Amino acid sequence: MEASSAERVSYRFPGPEFRPFPSFDFSCPVDWRPAEHPACVAAVKAPDDAGFTANVVITVDRLSSQLDLAAVAKMTFDAAIAAHVDLALEAEHVIVVSGQPALSRVQSFTDQATGTRLIQLQCLLFAPGGGEDTHDLLQLTGSSSAAAAEESLPLFRETIGSFRFSTAP
């Protein structure tokens, strides 16, 4: 049966039928600034320098509630290996962020465009709650040149450690 143009219903996102993505708060070094980055809900970056500019990006993906943290960790690592042939896993730990279990992973690879070795601290966690069939995965990823790892990794850990889910819209 075809619906006529008179038989329509309107929805709003977010709204009662479509829950919003989770709200959150975090802090970063005082000289870092907000930045726009494709597919991210939030990003901050260090002051520009002559090389790779350190940054932290946060993404949210609405995934099937059938996927748990271990499955998502494997999926994201497999995707990283496919994207970076020389990817090296430096460390991986289960931690707690904002009261939620999280996977913290340090990985390094060579940026093919510049030839620069990069290091990343990635944190994966699910937002509390969720829908009947889905839940929201947040990925917090700090990236810098590997040469700056001694300085940048502690800053990334502090930024991720400050992350809190909030109830504010």
Protein backbone atom coordinates (compact mmCIF):
# COMPACT_ATOMS: atom_id res chain seq x y z
CA MET A 1 0.00 0.00 0.00
CA GLU A 2 1.43 3.38 -0.97
CA ALA A 3 1.18 6.25 1.47
CA SER A 4 -0.06 9.52 0.09
CA SER A 5 1.67 12.77 0.87
CA ALA A 6 -1.14 13.53 3.32
CA GLU A 7 -0.22 10.45 5.39
CA ARG A 8 2.97 11.66 7.04
CA VAL A 9 4.36 11.92 10.54
CA SER A 10 7.20 14.17 11.72
CA TYR A 11 10.02 13.36 14.11
CA ARG A 12 12.75 15.39 15.76
CA PHE A 13 16.26 14.37 16.71
CA PRO A 14 16.82 14.22 19.55
CA GLY A 15 13.31 13.53 20.71
CA PRO A 16 11.22 10.93 22.49
CA GLU A 17 11.72 8.43 19.67
CA PHE A 18 15.41 9.20 19.06
CA ARG A 19 17.67 9.57 22.05
CA PRO A 20 20.51 12.09 21.86
CA PHE A 21 24.16 11.19 21.90
CA PRO A 22 25.62 11.36 25.42
CA SER A 23 26.74 14.66 26.90
CA PHE A 24 30.16 14.83 28.48
CA ASP A 25 32.77 17.15 29.98
CA PHE A 26 36.55 16.98 29.77
CA SER A 27 39.55 19.22 30.34
CA CYS A 28 42.75 19.72 28.38
CA PRO A 29 45.91 21.81 28.70
CA VAL A 30 45.15 25.53 28.91
CA ASP A 31 46.92 26.40 25.66
CA TRP A 32 45.00 23.77 23.64
CA ARG A 33 42.06 24.99 21.55
CA PRO A 34 38.84 23.49 20.19
CA ALA A 35 39.18 22.27 16.63
CA GLU A 36 36.90 20.91 13.97
CA HIS A 37 37.66 17.43 12.75
CA PRO A 38 35.60 15.26 10.38
CA ALA A 39 33.28 12.74 12.06
CA CYS A 40 34.15 13.96 15.58
CA VAL A 41 31.79 15.35 18.17
CA ALA A 42 34.68 17.14 19.89
CA ALA A 43 38.34 17.81 19.17
CA VAL A 44 41.08 19.87 20.79
CA LYS A 45 44.58 20.53 19.56
CA ALA A 46 47.86 21.83 20.88
CA PRO A 47 49.30 25.07 19.56
CA ASP A 48 50.47 24.59 15.97
CA ASP A 49 54.06 23.58 15.60
CA ALA A 50 56.33 22.86 12.65
CA GLY A 51 55.57 19.13 12.78
CA PHE A 52 52.48 17.09 13.60
CA THR A 53 50.13 19.01 15.91
CA ALA A 54 49.12 16.94 18.95
CA ASN A 55 45.37 16.54 19.34
CA VAL A 56 42.59 14.65 21.07
CA VAL A 57 39.46 13.74 19.13
CA ILE A 58 36.25 12.23 20.47
CA THR A 59 33.85 10.24 18.32
CA VAL A 60 30.52 8.60 19.12
CA ASP A 61 29.17 5.61 17.22
CA ARG A 62 25.76 4.09 17.85
CA LEU A 63 26.35 0.32 17.74
CA SER A 64 24.34 -2.83 18.21
CA SER A 65 23.90 -3.67 21.88
CA GLN A 66 25.08 -7.18 20.93
CA LEU A 67 28.64 -5.81 20.67
CA ASP A 68 30.63 -5.71 23.89
CA LEU A 69 33.88 -3.90 24.66
CA ALA A 70 36.06 -6.89 23.72
CA ALA A 71 34.38 -7.22 20.31
CA VAL A 72 34.69 -3.51 19.62
CA ALA A 73 38.32 -3.52 20.73
CA LYS A 74 39.07 -6.26 18.22
CA MET A 75 37.12 -4.51 15.45
CA THR A 76 38.89 -1.18 15.96
CA PHE A 77 42.32 -2.81 16.18
CA ASP A 78 41.68 -4.84 13.02
CA ALA A 79 40.62 -1.63 11.24
CA ALA A 80 43.80 0.11 12.43
CA ILE A 81 45.96 -2.76 11.16
CA ALA A 82 44.20 -2.60 7.79
CA ALA A 83 44.83 1.17 7.58
CA HIS A 84 48.45 1.11 8.82
CA VAL A 85 50.60 -1.82 7.71
CA ASP A 86 53.31 -1.02 10.28
CA LEU A 87 50.95 -0.56 13.24
CA ALA A 88 52.55 -1.55 16.54
CA LEU A 89 50.56 -2.19 19.70
CA GLU A 90 52.62 -0.63 22.49
CA ALA A 91 50.27 -1.31 25.43
CA GLU A 92 46.68 -2.25 26.18
CA HIS A 93 44.86 -2.14 29.53
CA VAL A 94 41.34 -2.22 30.90
CA ILE A 95 40.70 0.93 32.95
CA VAL A 96 37.70 2.81 34.33
CA VAL A 97 36.64 6.17 32.87
CA SER A 98 33.65 8.07 34.28
CA GLY A 99 32.60 4.92 36.14
CA GLN A 100 32.56 2.83 32.96
CA PRO A 101 34.90 0.00 31.98
CA ALA A 102 37.16 1.15 29.16
CA LEU A 103 39.96 -0.16 27.02
CA SER A 104 43.09 1.98 26.86
CA ARG A 105 45.45 1.25 23.97
CA VAL A 106 48.75 2.84 22.94
CA GLN A 107 49.63 2.22 19.30
CA SER A 108 52.10 3.67 16.84
CA PHE A 109 52.37 3.77 13.06
CA THR A 110 53.90 5.75 10.23
CA ASP A 111 51.76 8.43 8.62
CA GLN A 112 51.95 7.53 4.93
CA ALA A 113 51.45 11.14 3.77
CA THR A 114 54.36 12.62 5.76
CA GLY A 115 56.49 9.64 6.76
CA THR A 116 56.21 10.77 10.40
CA ARG A 117 55.96 8.10 13.07
CA LEU A 118 52.84 8.83 15.15
CA ILE A 119 51.74 7.55 18.53
CA GLN A 120 48.17 7.33 19.74
CA LEU A 121 46.52 6.76 23.08
CA GLN A 122 43.05 5.46 22.33
CA CYS A 123 40.32 4.88 24.87
CA LEU A 124 37.12 2.97 24.05
CA LEU A 125 34.08 3.00 26.33
CA PHE A 126 30.33 2.69 26.16
CA ALA A 127 28.10 5.42 27.51
CA PRO A 128 25.88 4.35 30.40
CA GLY A 129 22.34 3.42 29.46
CA GLY A 130 21.47 3.03 25.84
CA GLY A 131 18.50 1.90 23.87
CA GLU A 132 16.84 -1.46 23.59
CA ASP A 133 18.88 -2.44 20.54
CA THR A 134 21.82 -0.02 20.57
CA HIS A 135 24.42 1.61 22.79
CA ASP A 136 26.89 4.42 22.20
CA LEU A 137 30.61 3.80 21.84
CA LEU A 138 32.89 6.72 22.56
CA GLN A 139 36.44 6.73 21.24
CA LEU A 140 38.83 9.25 22.74
CA THR A 141 42.03 9.32 20.73
CA GLY A 142 45.11 11.41 21.47
CA SER A 143 47.64 11.61 18.63
CA SER A 144 51.10 13.12 18.38
CA SER A 145 54.43 12.47 16.73
CA ALA A 146 56.18 9.51 18.32
CA ALA A 147 59.14 11.80 19.00
CA ALA A 148 56.88 13.81 21.34
CA ALA A 149 55.45 10.74 23.13
CA GLU A 150 57.22 11.41 26.43
CA GLU A 151 55.47 14.79 26.64
CA SER A 152 52.17 13.98 24.93
CA LEU A 153 51.15 10.62 26.44
CA PRO A 154 50.83 12.03 30.00
CA LEU A 155 48.73 14.92 28.61
CA PHE A 156 46.49 12.45 26.78
CA ARG A 157 46.10 10.35 29.94
CA GLU A 158 45.15 13.44 31.96
CA THR A 159 42.62 14.53 29.32
CA ILE A 160 41.04 11.08 29.16
CA GLY A 161 41.12 10.85 32.96
CA SER A 162 39.15 14.11 33.19
CA PHE A 163 36.37 12.78 30.93
CA ARG A 164 32.96 12.60 32.63
CA PHE A 165 29.51 11.81 31.30
CA SER A 166 27.18 14.64 32.20
CA THR A 167 23.44 15.09 32.48
CA ALA A 168 23.49 18.56 30.93
CA PRO A 169 22.13 18.87 27.39
